[in-house]
Amino acid sequence: MIERPVSQSAGLQVFFLLLFLEQGYSLLFSLKLFWLKDS
């Protein structure tokens, strides 16, 4: 009973971490394209 919410919260943390990494990579990619276009 105690292990289920813990595993669910861990899954949520992993999900948000992956979402944050995906947003970060897309942001870096767009900045890289903008910098290449500007120079």
C-alpha atoms as a PDB file:
ATOM      1  CA  MET A   1       0.000   0.000   0.000  1.00  0.00           C
ATOM      2  CA  ILE A   2       2.850   2.381   0.828  1.00  0.00           C
ATOM      3  CA  GLU A   3       4.975   1.445  -2.186  1.00  0.00           C
ATOM      4  CA  ARG A   4       2.399   2.322  -4.852  1.00  0.00           C
ATOM      5  CA  PRO A   5       2.177   6.119  -4.287  1.00  0.00           C
ATOM      6  CA  VAL A   6       5.969   6.295  -3.968  1.00  0.00           C
ATOM      7  CA  SER A   7       6.457   4.554  -7.312  1.00  0.00           C
ATOM      8  CA  GLN A   8       3.796   6.768  -8.894  1.00  0.00           C
ATOM      9  CA  SER A   9       5.465   9.941  -7.596  1.00  0.00           C
ATOM     10  CA  ALA A  10       8.821   8.661  -8.857  1.00  0.00           C
ATOM     11  CA  GLY A  11       7.249   8.047 -12.263  1.00  0.00           C
ATOM     12  CA  LEU A  12       5.868  11.587 -12.253  1.00  0.00           C
ATOM     13  CA  GLN A  13       9.305  12.975 -11.377  1.00  0.00           C
ATOM     14  CA  VAL A  14      10.881  11.032 -14.263  1.00  0.00           C
ATOM     15  CA  PHE A  15       8.110  12.219 -16.602  1.00  0.00           C
ATOM     16  CA  PHE A  16       8.609  15.865 -15.647  1.00  0.00           C
ATOM     17  CA  LEU A  17      12.390  15.452 -15.907  1.00  0.00           C
ATOM     18  CA  LEU A  18      12.084  14.056 -19.439  1.00  0.00           C
ATOM     19  CA  LEU A  19       9.635  16.821 -20.352  1.00  0.00           C
ATOM     20  CA  PHE A  20      12.036  19.448 -18.974  1.00  0.00           C
ATOM     21  CA  LEU A  21      14.962  17.930 -20.898  1.00  0.00           C
ATOM     22  CA  GLU A  22      12.908  17.839 -24.107  1.00  0.00           C
ATOM     23  CA  GLN A  23      11.965  21.509 -23.703  1.00  0.00           C
ATOM     24  CA  GLY A  24      15.586  22.405 -22.957  1.00  0.00           C
ATOM     25  CA  TYR A  25      16.922  20.579 -26.004  1.00  0.00           C
ATOM     26  CA  SER A  26      14.325  22.155 -28.294  1.00  0.00           C
ATOM     27  CA  LEU A  27      15.178  25.583 -26.869  1.00  0.00           C
ATOM     28  CA  LEU A  28      18.917  25.040 -27.380  1.00  0.00           C
ATOM     29  CA  PHE A  29      18.268  23.777 -30.909  1.00  0.00           C
ATOM     30  CA  SER A  30      16.199  26.848 -31.808  1.00  0.00           C
ATOM     31  CA  LEU A  31      18.845  29.145 -30.287  1.00  0.00           C
ATOM     32  CA  LYS A  32      21.543  27.327 -32.274  1.00  0.00           C
ATOM     33  CA  LEU A  33      19.578  27.770 -35.511  1.00  0.00           C
ATOM     34  CA  PHE A  34      19.009  31.450 -34.710  1.00  0.00           C
ATOM     35  CA  TRP A  35      22.721  31.972 -33.986  1.00  0.00           C
ATOM     36  CA  LEU A  36      23.759  30.212 -37.200  1.00  0.00           C
ATOM     37  CA  LYS A  37      21.290  32.303 -39.186  1.00  0.00           C
ATOM     38  CA  ASP A  38      22.456  35.538 -37.538  1.00  0.00           C
ATOM     39  CA  SER A  39      26.185  35.001 -38.083  1.00  0.00           C
END
